[in-house]
């Protein structure tokens, strides 16, 4: 039977470069990144696991460059979105990694709990069920791969139609020129911080360094940082000292 779930689908941009440049001989760098992602999201014991904090009964899969998170219901939507914002910001700040993704809402079925609880058949306990049948997952995947395009995490309109709007949520999300809502990670961090100038300066430096790095050798990645620079400048608003000149 389907249940209504929030499905988060995240993609680590530049994964192939990390694999080729830092993990040729051993996967230590990517293991560290995956553990950081797991810890930031509250899954402290396993890269595949469950976390029942906040009553959301979260489930997490990390495979290659993809991160999939299942949340039980939308009552905790602000907490969920802030948790993902913190991850997005932390990966930039500590690992120079940007992510793209989507957050969808809809019908979902999985029997992932049996990963922990093998079911018995003919007195055997070594058979596991791991099945996902999820229109919500398919929608999240399509939004990430076909719509998001840039390093942003877009939000399914159906999700926003099913939540109560409030001032905090208005600070968490932003409306884009292509008529999509996405997580306003920088705007939220600037607004909530007592050190907003340093946040803007560090974010500016991160983007400028990558604009220089990819300007001549990878136009596709360069365009993603151009989008990020435009977003950064929007958050700066009239604070000219921290704006990026391309």
Protein backbone atom coordinates (compact mmCIF):
# COMPACT_ATOMS: atom_id res chain seq x y z
CA UNK A 1 0.00 0.00 0.00
CA UNK A 2 1.29 3.45 -0.90
CA UNK A 3 1.83 6.09 1.76
CA UNK A 4 2.38 9.80 1.28
CA UNK A 5 6.07 10.57 1.74
CA UNK A 6 8.60 13.31 1.18
CA UNK A 7 11.40 12.10 -1.09
CA UNK A 8 14.68 14.00 -1.33
CA UNK A 9 17.00 13.22 -4.24
CA UNK A 10 20.45 14.84 -4.16
CA UNK A 11 23.32 14.62 -6.63
CA UNK A 12 26.95 15.43 -5.81
CA UNK A 13 28.20 17.62 -8.66
CA UNK A 14 31.78 16.96 -9.70
CA UNK A 15 31.70 13.40 -8.35
CA UNK A 16 33.60 12.07 -11.36
CA UNK A 17 36.40 14.59 -10.82
CA UNK A 18 36.66 13.68 -7.13
CA UNK A 19 36.81 10.01 -8.11
CA UNK A 20 39.54 10.58 -10.69
CA UNK A 21 41.62 13.18 -8.83
CA UNK A 22 41.39 12.11 -5.18
CA UNK A 23 40.28 8.48 -5.18
CA UNK A 24 42.42 6.81 -7.85
CA UNK A 25 44.09 4.42 -5.44
CA UNK A 26 41.75 4.38 -2.47
CA UNK A 27 38.24 5.72 -1.76
CA UNK A 28 39.06 7.47 1.53
CA UNK A 29 38.09 10.98 0.42
CA UNK A 30 34.65 9.91 -0.82
CA UNK A 31 34.05 7.74 2.24
CA UNK A 32 34.75 10.80 4.41
CA UNK A 33 32.31 12.88 2.32
CA UNK A 34 29.61 10.21 2.54
CA UNK A 35 30.03 9.92 6.30
CA UNK A 36 29.79 13.69 6.62
CA UNK A 37 26.56 13.66 4.63
CA UNK A 38 25.20 10.85 6.78
CA UNK A 39 26.10 12.64 10.02
CA UNK A 40 24.74 16.01 8.89
CA UNK A 41 21.43 14.39 8.08
CA UNK A 42 21.33 12.66 11.46
CA UNK A 43 22.26 9.12 10.39
CA UNK A 44 25.25 8.58 12.63
CA UNK A 45 25.74 4.85 12.47
CA UNK A 46 25.47 3.80 8.86
CA UNK A 47 25.50 5.00 5.28
CA UNK A 48 22.31 3.02 4.89
CA UNK A 49 20.04 3.43 7.84
CA UNK A 50 17.09 4.82 9.69
CA UNK A 51 16.73 7.68 12.11
CA UNK A 52 13.61 8.14 14.19
CA UNK A 53 14.52 11.57 15.55
CA UNK A 54 11.81 14.25 15.42
CA UNK A 55 9.27 11.52 14.77
CA UNK A 56 9.94 11.77 11.04
CA UNK A 57 11.20 8.18 10.72
CA UNK A 58 13.77 9.09 8.11
CA UNK A 59 15.41 6.63 5.75
CA UNK A 60 18.63 7.21 3.86
CA UNK A 61 20.33 5.61 0.88
CA UNK A 62 23.72 6.78 -0.43
CA UNK A 63 24.92 5.16 -3.63
CA UNK A 64 27.72 6.53 -5.79
CA UNK A 65 26.91 10.25 -6.30
CA UNK A 66 23.24 9.96 -5.32
CA UNK A 67 21.66 10.59 -1.93
CA UNK A 68 18.04 9.55 -1.38
CA UNK A 69 16.18 10.42 1.81
CA UNK A 70 12.62 9.42 2.68
CA UNK A 71 10.66 11.40 5.27
CA UNK A 72 7.45 10.16 6.79
CA UNK A 73 5.21 13.23 6.76
CA UNK A 74 5.16 16.97 6.24
CA UNK A 75 4.44 18.14 9.80
CA UNK A 76 8.18 18.69 10.27
CA UNK A 77 8.77 20.29 6.88
CA UNK A 78 10.68 23.33 8.18
CA UNK A 79 13.01 21.10 10.23
CA UNK A 80 13.58 18.86 7.22
CA UNK A 81 14.36 21.73 4.86
CA UNK A 82 16.70 23.38 7.37
CA UNK A 83 18.54 20.10 7.84
CA UNK A 84 19.12 19.88 4.06
CA UNK A 85 20.15 23.56 3.93
CA UNK A 86 22.73 22.88 6.63
CA UNK A 87 24.08 19.96 4.61
CA UNK A 88 24.23 22.04 1.42
CA UNK A 89 26.08 24.84 3.18
CA UNK A 90 28.41 22.54 5.13
CA UNK A 91 29.55 20.71 1.97
CA UNK A 92 30.49 24.02 0.36
CA UNK A 93 32.20 25.33 3.46
CA UNK A 94 34.24 22.26 4.38
CA UNK A 95 34.57 20.21 1.18
CA UNK A 96 34.14 22.70 -1.69
CA UNK A 97 31.32 20.51 -3.00
CA UNK A 98 28.07 21.69 -4.55
CA UNK A 99 24.94 19.58 -4.81
CA UNK A 100 21.86 19.66 -6.98
CA UNK A 101 18.59 18.04 -6.16
CA UNK A 102 14.88 18.04 -5.59
CA UNK A 103 12.31 17.45 -2.87
CA UNK A 104 9.07 15.79 -3.93
CA UNK A 105 5.87 14.67 -2.24
CA UNK A 106 3.62 11.80 -3.20
CA UNK A 107 2.92 8.08 -3.17
CA UNK A 108 5.73 5.84 -1.96
CA UNK A 109 6.21 2.22 -0.96
CA UNK A 110 9.32 0.51 0.37
CA UNK A 111 10.05 -2.45 2.63
CA UNK A 112 13.40 -1.09 3.68
CA UNK A 113 12.83 -2.00 7.35
CA UNK A 114 13.45 -5.61 6.41
CA UNK A 115 17.09 -4.61 5.84
CA UNK A 116 17.26 -4.81 9.62
CA UNK A 117 14.65 -7.52 10.10
CA UNK A 118 15.16 -10.50 7.82
CA UNK A 119 11.93 -12.31 7.25
CA UNK A 120 11.70 -16.06 7.61
CA UNK A 121 10.88 -18.52 4.89
CA UNK A 122 11.31 -22.22 5.50
CA UNK A 123 13.03 -21.37 8.78
CA UNK A 124 15.70 -19.41 6.93
CA UNK A 125 16.66 -15.88 8.01
CA UNK A 126 19.12 -14.96 5.25
CA UNK A 127 16.57 -13.61 2.75
CA UNK A 128 16.08 -9.85 2.61
CA UNK A 129 13.47 -7.73 0.91
CA UNK A 130 14.62 -4.39 -0.47
CA UNK A 131 11.97 -3.01 -2.80
CA UNK A 132 11.05 0.57 -3.68
CA UNK A 133 7.95 1.34 -5.75
CA UNK A 134 7.60 5.08 -5.65
CA UNK A 135 5.99 7.63 -7.97
CA UNK A 136 7.34 10.25 -5.54
CA UNK A 137 10.88 8.96 -6.10
CA UNK A 138 10.45 8.99 -9.88
CA UNK A 139 9.18 12.56 -9.68
CA UNK A 140 12.13 13.61 -7.50
CA UNK A 141 14.58 12.00 -9.91
CA UNK A 142 13.04 13.74 -12.93
CA UNK A 143 12.98 17.11 -11.17
CA UNK A 144 16.67 16.76 -10.27
CA UNK A 145 17.88 15.44 -13.62
CA UNK A 146 15.68 17.48 -15.99
CA UNK A 147 14.60 20.66 -14.18
CA UNK A 148 17.07 21.61 -11.46
CA UNK A 149 20.03 21.97 -13.93
CA UNK A 150 21.99 24.31 -11.65
CA UNK A 151 23.39 23.72 -8.13
CA UNK A 152 20.06 24.20 -6.41
CA UNK A 153 17.55 21.97 -4.66
CA UNK A 154 14.12 22.58 -6.13
CA UNK A 155 10.87 21.87 -4.32
CA UNK A 156 7.86 20.08 -5.76
CA UNK A 157 4.81 22.35 -5.98
CA UNK A 158 2.64 19.54 -4.62
CA UNK A 159 4.68 19.57 -1.42
CA UNK A 160 4.20 23.31 -0.95
CA UNK A 161 0.48 22.93 -1.67
CA UNK A 162 0.23 20.57 1.30
CA UNK A 163 2.04 22.60 3.95
CA UNK A 164 1.04 25.58 6.05
CA UNK A 165 2.94 28.68 4.99
CA UNK A 166 4.72 30.64 7.73
CA UNK A 167 7.42 33.30 8.07
CA UNK A 168 10.18 30.75 8.64
CA UNK A 169 9.26 28.81 5.51
CA UNK A 170 9.31 32.06 3.52
CA UNK A 171 12.95 32.53 4.61
CA UNK A 172 13.86 28.96 3.67
CA UNK A 173 12.61 28.96 0.07
CA UNK A 174 13.16 31.26 -2.89
CA UNK A 175 11.30 31.69 -6.19
CA UNK A 176 13.41 31.56 -9.34
CA UNK A 177 13.10 33.21 -12.73
CA UNK A 178 12.02 29.90 -14.25
CA UNK A 179 9.09 29.78 -11.82
CA UNK A 180 10.50 27.13 -9.50
CA UNK A 181 10.88 27.20 -5.73
CA UNK A 182 14.26 26.13 -4.39
CA UNK A 183 16.09 26.04 -1.07
CA UNK A 184 17.47 29.47 -0.25
CA UNK A 185 20.47 28.11 1.64
CA UNK A 186 22.62 31.24 1.50
CA UNK A 187 19.80 33.66 2.25
CA UNK A 188 18.69 31.58 5.21
CA UNK A 189 22.22 31.30 6.62
CA UNK A 190 22.86 35.03 6.22
CA UNK A 191 19.59 35.93 7.92
CA UNK A 192 20.12 33.53 10.84
CA UNK A 193 23.81 34.29 11.42
CA UNK A 194 25.50 36.92 13.57
CA UNK A 195 28.44 36.76 11.17
CA UNK A 196 26.73 37.34 7.83
CA UNK A 197 29.59 39.33 6.29
CA UNK A 198 32.05 36.46 6.74
CA UNK A 199 29.51 34.03 5.31
CA UNK A 200 29.11 36.19 2.22
CA UNK A 201 32.86 36.69 1.86
CA UNK A 202 33.65 32.97 2.13
CA UNK A 203 30.85 32.11 -0.31
CA UNK A 204 32.10 34.77 -2.72
CA UNK A 205 35.67 33.43 -2.55
CA UNK A 206 34.47 29.87 -3.14
CA UNK A 207 32.55 30.87 -6.28
CA UNK A 208 35.29 33.15 -7.66
CA UNK A 209 37.92 30.42 -7.26
CA UNK A 210 35.79 27.97 -9.19
CA UNK A 211 34.90 30.48 -11.89
CA UNK A 212 38.62 30.92 -12.53
CA UNK A 213 39.26 27.18 -12.34
CA UNK A 214 36.63 26.20 -14.92
CA UNK A 215 36.54 29.25 -17.19
CA UNK A 216 38.79 27.73 -19.86
CA UNK A 217 38.70 23.99 -19.25
CA UNK A 218 35.06 23.08 -18.57
CA UNK A 219 32.29 25.30 -19.88
CA UNK A 220 29.51 23.10 -18.50
CA UNK A 221 30.75 23.37 -14.91
CA UNK A 222 31.61 27.04 -15.41
CA UNK A 223 27.97 27.79 -16.27
CA UNK A 224 26.85 26.21 -13.00
CA UNK A 225 29.12 28.57 -11.05
CA UNK A 226 27.83 31.50 -13.13
CA UNK A 227 24.33 30.64 -11.92
CA UNK A 228 25.66 30.38 -8.37
CA UNK A 229 27.29 33.81 -8.72
CA UNK A 230 23.98 35.35 -9.84
CA UNK A 231 22.21 33.75 -6.87
CA UNK A 232 24.94 35.02 -4.53
CA UNK A 233 24.56 38.55 -5.86
CA UNK A 234 20.79 38.45 -5.35
CA UNK A 235 21.33 37.57 -1.69
CA UNK A 236 23.88 40.37 -1.34
CA UNK A 237 21.22 42.78 -2.58
CA UNK A 238 22.67 46.28 -1.96
CA UNK A 239 25.76 44.99 -0.16
CA UNK A 240 28.08 45.78 -3.08
CA UNK A 241 31.29 44.87 -1.27
CA UNK A 242 30.44 41.15 -1.40
CA UNK A 243 29.05 40.96 -4.91
CA UNK A 244 30.80 38.97 -7.63
CA UNK A 245 31.84 40.61 -10.87
CA UNK A 246 31.96 38.17 -13.78
